[in-house]
Amino acid sequence: GTAPDLTAANAYNSIKTMNLANTAAPETSLIYTYPSPTTTMHTWKKYSAAEAQLVLTWIQQGAKNN
């Protein structure tokens, strides 16, 4: 798959277009689970536990463009 464009100007649209944030079930969102510090699926850069919590909270609050 194609990696999302996470530059400041395009990150939000990439997340929405690629359905990476699931506001109905935030903990299943790919943008949260894929780089999660507990994942073993890949060796790409992972979130710290604090960053993962920020992402999850953002999705739980509706994944707004803020």
N, C-alpha and C. Protein backbone atom coordinates (compact mmCIF):
# COMPACT_ATOMS: atom_id res chain seq x y z
N GLY A 1 0.80 -1.19 0.00
CA GLY A 1 0.00 0.00 0.00
C GLY A 1 0.85 1.26 0.00
N THR A 2 0.22 2.33 -0.33
CA THR A 2 0.88 3.62 -0.35
C THR A 2 0.85 4.23 1.04
N ALA A 3 1.96 4.79 1.44
CA ALA A 3 2.01 5.46 2.74
C ALA A 3 1.25 6.78 2.64
N PRO A 4 0.58 7.17 3.71
CA PRO A 4 -0.13 8.46 3.68
C PRO A 4 0.86 9.62 3.63
N ASP A 5 0.43 10.71 3.02
CA ASP A 5 1.24 11.92 2.98
C ASP A 5 0.98 12.67 4.29
N LEU A 6 1.93 12.60 5.20
CA LEU A 6 1.72 13.20 6.51
C LEU A 6 2.41 14.54 6.67
N THR A 7 2.63 15.24 5.56
CA THR A 7 3.12 16.61 5.66
C THR A 7 2.01 17.45 6.27
N ALA A 8 2.36 18.54 6.89
CA ALA A 8 1.38 19.36 7.59
C ALA A 8 0.20 19.74 6.70
N ALA A 9 0.47 20.05 5.45
CA ALA A 9 -0.59 20.51 4.55
C ALA A 9 -1.53 19.39 4.13
N ASN A 10 -1.06 18.15 4.14
CA ASN A 10 -1.83 17.05 3.56
C ASN A 10 -2.21 15.93 4.51
N ALA A 11 -1.71 15.95 5.71
CA ALA A 11 -1.91 14.84 6.64
C ALA A 11 -3.39 14.55 6.88
N TYR A 12 -4.17 15.57 7.18
CA TYR A 12 -5.57 15.35 7.52
C TYR A 12 -6.32 14.71 6.36
N ASN A 13 -6.14 15.24 5.14
CA ASN A 13 -6.83 14.68 3.99
C ASN A 13 -6.39 13.25 3.72
N SER A 14 -5.11 12.95 3.91
CA SER A 14 -4.61 11.59 3.71
C SER A 14 -5.25 10.63 4.72
N ILE A 15 -5.32 11.07 5.97
CA ILE A 15 -5.91 10.23 7.01
C ILE A 15 -7.37 9.94 6.69
N LYS A 16 -8.11 10.96 6.27
CA LYS A 16 -9.53 10.79 5.95
C LYS A 16 -9.72 9.95 4.67
N THR A 17 -8.97 10.27 3.64
CA THR A 17 -9.12 9.59 2.36
C THR A 17 -8.78 8.11 2.46
N MET A 18 -7.76 7.81 3.23
CA MET A 18 -7.32 6.42 3.36
C MET A 18 -8.02 5.69 4.52
N ASN A 19 -9.01 6.35 5.12
CA ASN A 19 -9.78 5.76 6.23
C ASN A 19 -8.88 5.22 7.34
N LEU A 20 -7.89 6.01 7.73
CA LEU A 20 -6.95 5.58 8.75
C LEU A 20 -7.46 5.85 10.16
N ALA A 21 -8.47 6.71 10.28
CA ALA A 21 -9.04 7.03 11.59
C ALA A 21 -10.48 6.53 11.62
N ASN A 22 -10.79 5.69 12.58
CA ASN A 22 -12.14 5.14 12.73
C ASN A 22 -12.74 5.73 14.00
N THR A 23 -13.56 6.77 13.84
CA THR A 23 -14.12 7.44 15.02
C THR A 23 -15.15 6.57 15.74
N ALA A 24 -15.72 5.57 15.05
CA ALA A 24 -16.69 4.67 15.69
C ALA A 24 -15.97 3.68 16.62
N ALA A 25 -14.75 3.30 16.26
CA ALA A 25 -13.96 2.38 17.09
C ALA A 25 -12.52 2.85 17.07
N PRO A 26 -12.22 3.95 17.81
CA PRO A 26 -10.91 4.59 17.72
C PRO A 26 -9.72 3.66 17.92
N GLU A 27 -9.87 2.69 18.82
CA GLU A 27 -8.74 1.81 19.11
C GLU A 27 -8.39 0.87 17.95
N THR A 28 -9.27 0.81 16.92
CA THR A 28 -8.98 -0.03 15.76
C THR A 28 -8.43 0.79 14.59
N SER A 29 -8.32 2.09 14.75
CA SER A 29 -7.85 2.96 13.67
C SER A 29 -6.43 2.59 13.24
N LEU A 30 -6.22 2.48 11.94
CA LEU A 30 -4.90 2.11 11.45
C LEU A 30 -3.84 3.12 11.84
N ILE A 31 -4.20 4.41 11.87
CA ILE A 31 -3.20 5.41 12.22
C ILE A 31 -2.78 5.27 13.69
N TYR A 32 -3.59 4.58 14.47
CA TYR A 32 -3.25 4.31 15.87
C TYR A 32 -2.58 2.94 16.03
N THR A 33 -3.14 1.91 15.41
CA THR A 33 -2.63 0.56 15.64
C THR A 33 -1.34 0.26 14.88
N TYR A 34 -1.20 0.76 13.68
CA TYR A 34 -0.04 0.38 12.86
C TYR A 34 1.28 0.85 13.46
N PRO A 35 1.41 2.12 13.87
CA PRO A 35 2.67 2.54 14.49
C PRO A 35 2.66 2.44 16.02
N SER A 36 1.70 1.71 16.57
CA SER A 36 1.61 1.57 18.02
C SER A 36 2.89 0.99 18.60
N PRO A 37 3.28 1.43 19.80
CA PRO A 37 4.51 0.91 20.40
C PRO A 37 4.45 -0.59 20.68
N THR A 38 3.25 -1.17 20.70
CA THR A 38 3.12 -2.59 21.03
C THR A 38 3.01 -3.48 19.79
N THR A 39 2.98 -2.90 18.60
CA THR A 39 2.83 -3.71 17.40
C THR A 39 4.11 -4.47 17.07
N THR A 40 3.94 -5.62 16.46
CA THR A 40 5.10 -6.40 16.00
C THR A 40 4.99 -6.67 14.51
N MET A 41 4.07 -5.96 13.84
CA MET A 41 3.81 -6.20 12.42
C MET A 41 4.92 -5.69 11.51
N HIS A 42 5.70 -4.77 11.96
CA HIS A 42 6.69 -4.14 11.10
C HIS A 42 7.79 -3.52 11.94
N THR A 43 8.80 -3.03 11.27
CA THR A 43 9.91 -2.40 11.98
C THR A 43 10.00 -0.91 11.67
N TRP A 44 8.93 -0.34 11.14
CA TRP A 44 8.90 1.09 10.86
C TRP A 44 8.90 1.86 12.16
N LYS A 45 9.06 3.17 12.03
CA LYS A 45 9.03 4.04 13.21
C LYS A 45 7.72 3.84 13.96
N LYS A 46 7.82 3.75 15.26
CA LYS A 46 6.65 3.56 16.10
C LYS A 46 6.43 4.79 16.98
N TYR A 47 5.20 4.93 17.43
CA TYR A 47 4.88 5.99 18.37
C TYR A 47 5.48 5.64 19.72
N SER A 48 5.74 6.65 20.52
CA SER A 48 5.98 6.42 21.94
C SER A 48 4.60 6.20 22.56
N ALA A 49 4.57 5.70 23.77
CA ALA A 49 3.28 5.48 24.43
C ALA A 49 2.51 6.79 24.56
N ALA A 50 3.21 7.90 24.84
CA ALA A 50 2.55 9.20 24.97
C ALA A 50 1.98 9.66 23.63
N GLU A 51 2.74 9.48 22.55
CA GLU A 51 2.24 9.86 21.22
C GLU A 51 1.04 9.01 20.83
N ALA A 52 1.10 7.73 21.12
CA ALA A 52 -0.02 6.84 20.80
C ALA A 52 -1.28 7.30 21.53
N GLN A 53 -1.14 7.71 22.79
CA GLN A 53 -2.29 8.19 23.56
C GLN A 53 -2.86 9.47 22.96
N LEU A 54 -1.99 10.37 22.51
CA LEU A 54 -2.46 11.60 21.88
C LEU A 54 -3.26 11.30 20.62
N VAL A 55 -2.77 10.37 19.81
CA VAL A 55 -3.47 10.01 18.57
C VAL A 55 -4.83 9.39 18.91
N LEU A 56 -4.85 8.48 19.86
CA LEU A 56 -6.11 7.84 20.24
C LEU A 56 -7.11 8.87 20.77
N THR A 57 -6.65 9.78 21.61
CA THR A 57 -7.53 10.82 22.14
C THR A 57 -8.08 11.68 21.01
N TRP A 58 -7.23 12.05 20.05
CA TRP A 58 -7.66 12.86 18.91
C TRP A 58 -8.76 12.14 18.13
N ILE A 59 -8.60 10.85 17.90
CA ILE A 59 -9.63 10.09 17.16
C ILE A 59 -10.91 10.02 17.99
N GLN A 60 -10.77 9.78 19.30
CA GLN A 60 -11.95 9.69 20.17
C GLN A 60 -12.72 11.01 20.19
N GLN A 61 -12.03 12.12 19.98
CA GLN A 61 -12.67 13.43 19.98
C GLN A 61 -13.25 13.77 18.61
N GLY A 62 -13.17 12.84 17.67
CA GLY A 62 -13.81 13.04 16.38
C GLY A 62 -12.85 13.21 15.23
N ALA A 63 -11.55 13.06 15.45
CA ALA A 63 -10.54 13.17 14.39
C ALA A 63 -10.75 14.44 13.56
N LYS A 64 -10.80 15.56 14.26
CA LYS A 64 -11.03 16.84 13.58
C LYS A 64 -9.76 17.38 12.94
N ASN A 65 -9.93 18.25 11.99
CA ASN A 65 -8.78 18.86 11.29
C ASN A 65 -8.26 20.01 12.13
N ASN A 66 -7.55 19.68 13.18
CA ASN A 66 -7.02 20.70 14.08
C ASN A 66 -5.55 20.43 14.30
